[in-house]
């Protein structure tokens, strides 16, 4: 079995503060939310073996927070421009499968609407409300990442910061 954790980057500064969309950084709240969600995933036993991220600043910052919580070396985060640029579902699956190697669980940090739509297409589950730092865990009854298919995943878990804040 393989598990794919899809994460929308955390809360960011406004476009006007950054100079460009690509360079937008996380807000203080974004740092807190990413830590909160990463810790929740860790407590639930969802531990990635590999982290793949959009190269945009906000996504990389989110990926770095997740990597610290999971005690992974931030230098091993793999950057994938197709996640920022957007791609077809088939293109996203191919790109992700190429970067996962032998990992059992892969975590991908990206952007909406692509991350939400990929989650919906893979699991067949409605996740149209996919706020910043939302994360979904999708399992596949496969042994090779290249065997991932639309509609063949099963949503195991879906979380976002507001739910965790209400529970406290």
Protein backbone atom coordinates (compact mmCIF):
# COMPACT_ATOMS: atom_id res chain seq x y z
CA UNK A 1 0.00 0.00 0.00
CA UNK A 2 1.10 3.57 -0.74
CA UNK A 3 -0.09 6.75 0.96
CA UNK A 4 -0.15 10.21 -0.56
CA UNK A 5 -0.54 13.21 1.72
CA UNK A 6 -1.63 16.29 -0.23
CA UNK A 7 -1.14 19.63 1.53
CA UNK A 8 -2.17 23.10 0.46
CA UNK A 9 0.47 25.63 1.52
CA UNK A 10 -0.17 27.62 4.70
CA UNK A 11 -1.56 31.18 5.01
CA UNK A 12 0.51 33.75 3.11
CA UNK A 13 1.11 37.44 2.84
CA UNK A 14 -0.83 39.47 0.30
CA UNK A 15 0.37 39.80 -3.29
CA UNK A 16 1.25 43.46 -2.77
CA UNK A 17 3.61 42.65 0.11
CA UNK A 18 5.66 40.13 -1.84
CA UNK A 19 6.34 41.71 -5.19
CA UNK A 20 5.37 38.54 -7.05
CA UNK A 21 3.13 35.54 -6.50
CA UNK A 22 6.11 33.17 -6.55
CA UNK A 23 7.88 35.03 -3.73
CA UNK A 24 4.95 35.28 -1.31
CA UNK A 25 5.95 34.18 2.21
CA UNK A 26 4.00 32.64 5.05
CA UNK A 27 2.35 34.85 7.59
CA UNK A 28 2.90 34.21 11.30
CA UNK A 29 -0.46 32.43 11.32
CA UNK A 30 0.73 30.26 8.42
CA UNK A 31 3.73 29.07 10.42
CA UNK A 32 1.49 28.21 13.39
CA UNK A 33 -1.13 26.47 11.25
CA UNK A 34 1.45 24.37 9.37
CA UNK A 35 3.01 23.26 12.65
CA UNK A 36 -0.44 22.43 14.09
CA UNK A 37 -1.49 20.31 11.10
CA UNK A 38 1.90 18.57 10.78
CA UNK A 39 1.81 17.62 14.47
CA UNK A 40 -1.72 16.28 14.08
CA UNK A 41 -0.71 14.13 11.12
CA UNK A 42 2.31 12.87 13.06
CA UNK A 43 0.14 12.00 16.08
CA UNK A 44 -2.21 10.06 13.79
CA UNK A 45 0.75 8.02 12.49
CA UNK A 46 0.98 9.55 9.02
CA UNK A 47 4.72 9.95 8.56
CA UNK A 48 6.08 10.79 5.09
CA UNK A 49 9.24 9.19 3.77
CA UNK A 50 9.62 11.89 1.13
CA UNK A 51 8.43 15.50 0.75
CA UNK A 52 7.81 17.03 -2.66
CA UNK A 53 7.03 20.74 -2.94
CA UNK A 54 6.24 23.46 -5.36
CA UNK A 55 9.29 25.72 -5.60
CA UNK A 56 7.22 28.80 -4.65
CA UNK A 57 8.44 30.36 -1.39
CA UNK A 58 5.21 29.78 0.55
CA UNK A 59 5.05 26.11 -0.42
CA UNK A 60 8.72 25.52 0.43
CA UNK A 61 8.27 27.22 3.80
CA UNK A 62 5.28 24.95 4.49
CA UNK A 63 7.27 21.88 3.39
CA UNK A 64 10.16 22.90 5.68
CA UNK A 65 7.82 23.16 8.68
CA UNK A 66 6.40 19.71 7.94
CA UNK A 67 9.90 18.29 7.52
CA UNK A 68 11.00 19.65 10.91
CA UNK A 69 7.93 18.22 12.66
CA UNK A 70 8.59 14.83 11.03
CA UNK A 71 12.33 15.00 11.78
CA UNK A 72 13.26 14.89 8.10
CA UNK A 73 16.25 16.73 6.65
CA UNK A 74 14.96 19.88 4.88
CA UNK A 75 17.72 19.39 2.32
CA UNK A 76 15.89 16.30 1.06
CA UNK A 77 12.74 18.23 0.08
CA UNK A 78 12.32 17.73 -3.65
CA UNK A 79 11.18 20.77 -5.60
CA UNK A 80 8.90 20.19 -8.57
CA UNK A 81 7.97 23.09 -10.81
CA UNK A 82 5.01 21.21 -12.31
CA UNK A 83 3.27 21.61 -8.94
CA UNK A 84 3.49 25.42 -9.15
CA UNK A 85 2.89 25.67 -12.89
CA UNK A 86 -0.06 23.31 -12.81
CA UNK A 87 -0.51 20.24 -14.97
CA UNK A 88 -3.13 17.75 -15.98
CA UNK A 89 -4.08 15.11 -13.45
CA UNK A 90 -2.12 12.55 -15.47
CA UNK A 91 0.88 14.89 -15.57
CA UNK A 92 0.73 15.46 -11.81
CA UNK A 93 0.50 11.72 -11.12
CA UNK A 94 3.40 10.98 -13.44
CA UNK A 95 5.56 13.72 -11.92
CA UNK A 96 4.79 12.67 -8.35
CA UNK A 97 5.39 8.99 -9.08
CA UNK A 98 8.78 9.81 -10.61
CA UNK A 99 9.89 11.57 -7.42
CA UNK A 100 8.58 9.11 -4.80
CA UNK A 101 11.14 6.36 -5.31
CA UNK A 102 10.68 3.56 -2.81
CA UNK A 103 8.76 5.70 -0.30
CA UNK A 104 5.68 4.18 1.30
CA UNK A 105 4.25 7.60 2.13
CA UNK A 106 4.83 10.79 0.15
CA UNK A 107 3.79 14.31 1.15
CA UNK A 108 3.17 16.86 -1.60
CA UNK A 109 2.85 20.59 -0.86
CA UNK A 110 1.12 22.64 -3.51
CA UNK A 111 -1.51 25.20 -4.39
CA UNK A 112 -5.20 25.46 -5.00
CA UNK A 113 -7.11 24.69 -7.06
CA UNK A 114 -4.74 21.92 -8.21
CA UNK A 115 -4.20 20.21 -4.82
CA UNK A 116 -7.92 20.19 -4.01
CA UNK A 117 -8.85 18.91 -7.46
CA UNK A 118 -6.19 16.21 -7.34
CA UNK A 119 -7.54 15.09 -3.95
CA UNK A 120 -11.07 14.92 -5.31
CA UNK A 121 -10.08 13.09 -8.48
CA UNK A 122 -7.91 10.52 -6.75
CA UNK A 123 -10.35 9.67 -3.98
CA UNK A 124 -13.72 10.43 -5.53
CA UNK A 125 -14.55 12.33 -2.32
CA UNK A 126 -15.89 15.89 -2.12
CA UNK A 127 -13.25 18.18 -0.62
CA UNK A 128 -14.22 21.45 -2.25
CA UNK A 129 -13.55 23.31 1.02
CA UNK A 130 -9.75 23.06 0.98
CA UNK A 131 -8.47 26.06 2.97
CA UNK A 132 -4.82 26.94 3.53
CA UNK A 133 -2.88 24.13 5.22
CA UNK A 134 -5.68 21.66 4.51
CA UNK A 135 -4.24 18.16 4.25
CA UNK A 136 -5.69 14.92 3.01
CA UNK A 137 -4.29 11.41 3.27
CA UNK A 138 -5.17 9.12 0.38
CA UNK A 139 -4.20 5.45 0.35
CA UNK A 140 -3.78 3.27 -2.71
CA UNK A 141 -3.75 -0.55 -2.83
CA UNK A 142 -0.60 -0.53 -4.99
CA UNK A 143 3.07 -1.46 -4.70
CA UNK A 144 4.45 1.03 -7.29
CA UNK A 145 3.70 4.76 -7.40
CA UNK A 146 3.30 4.56 -11.16
CA UNK A 147 0.12 2.49 -10.55
CA UNK A 148 -1.77 5.43 -8.97
CA UNK A 149 -5.02 6.03 -10.82
CA UNK A 150 -7.89 8.47 -10.72
CA UNK A 151 -10.70 7.22 -8.49
CA UNK A 152 -8.63 4.34 -7.06
CA UNK A 153 -7.53 6.08 -3.88
CA UNK A 154 -9.32 6.00 -0.55
CA UNK A 155 -9.47 9.11 1.59
CA UNK A 156 -8.26 8.09 5.04
CA UNK A 157 -8.09 11.48 6.67
CA UNK A 158 -8.80 15.14 5.94
CA UNK A 159 -7.88 18.00 8.27
CA UNK A 160 -7.39 21.74 8.29
CA UNK A 161 -6.36 24.20 11.01
CA UNK A 162 -9.80 25.52 11.99
CA UNK A 163 -10.98 22.00 12.93
CA UNK A 164 -7.93 21.51 15.16
CA UNK A 165 -8.34 24.92 16.79
CA UNK A 166 -11.99 24.18 17.64
CA UNK A 167 -11.00 20.85 19.23
CA UNK A 168 -8.62 22.54 21.69
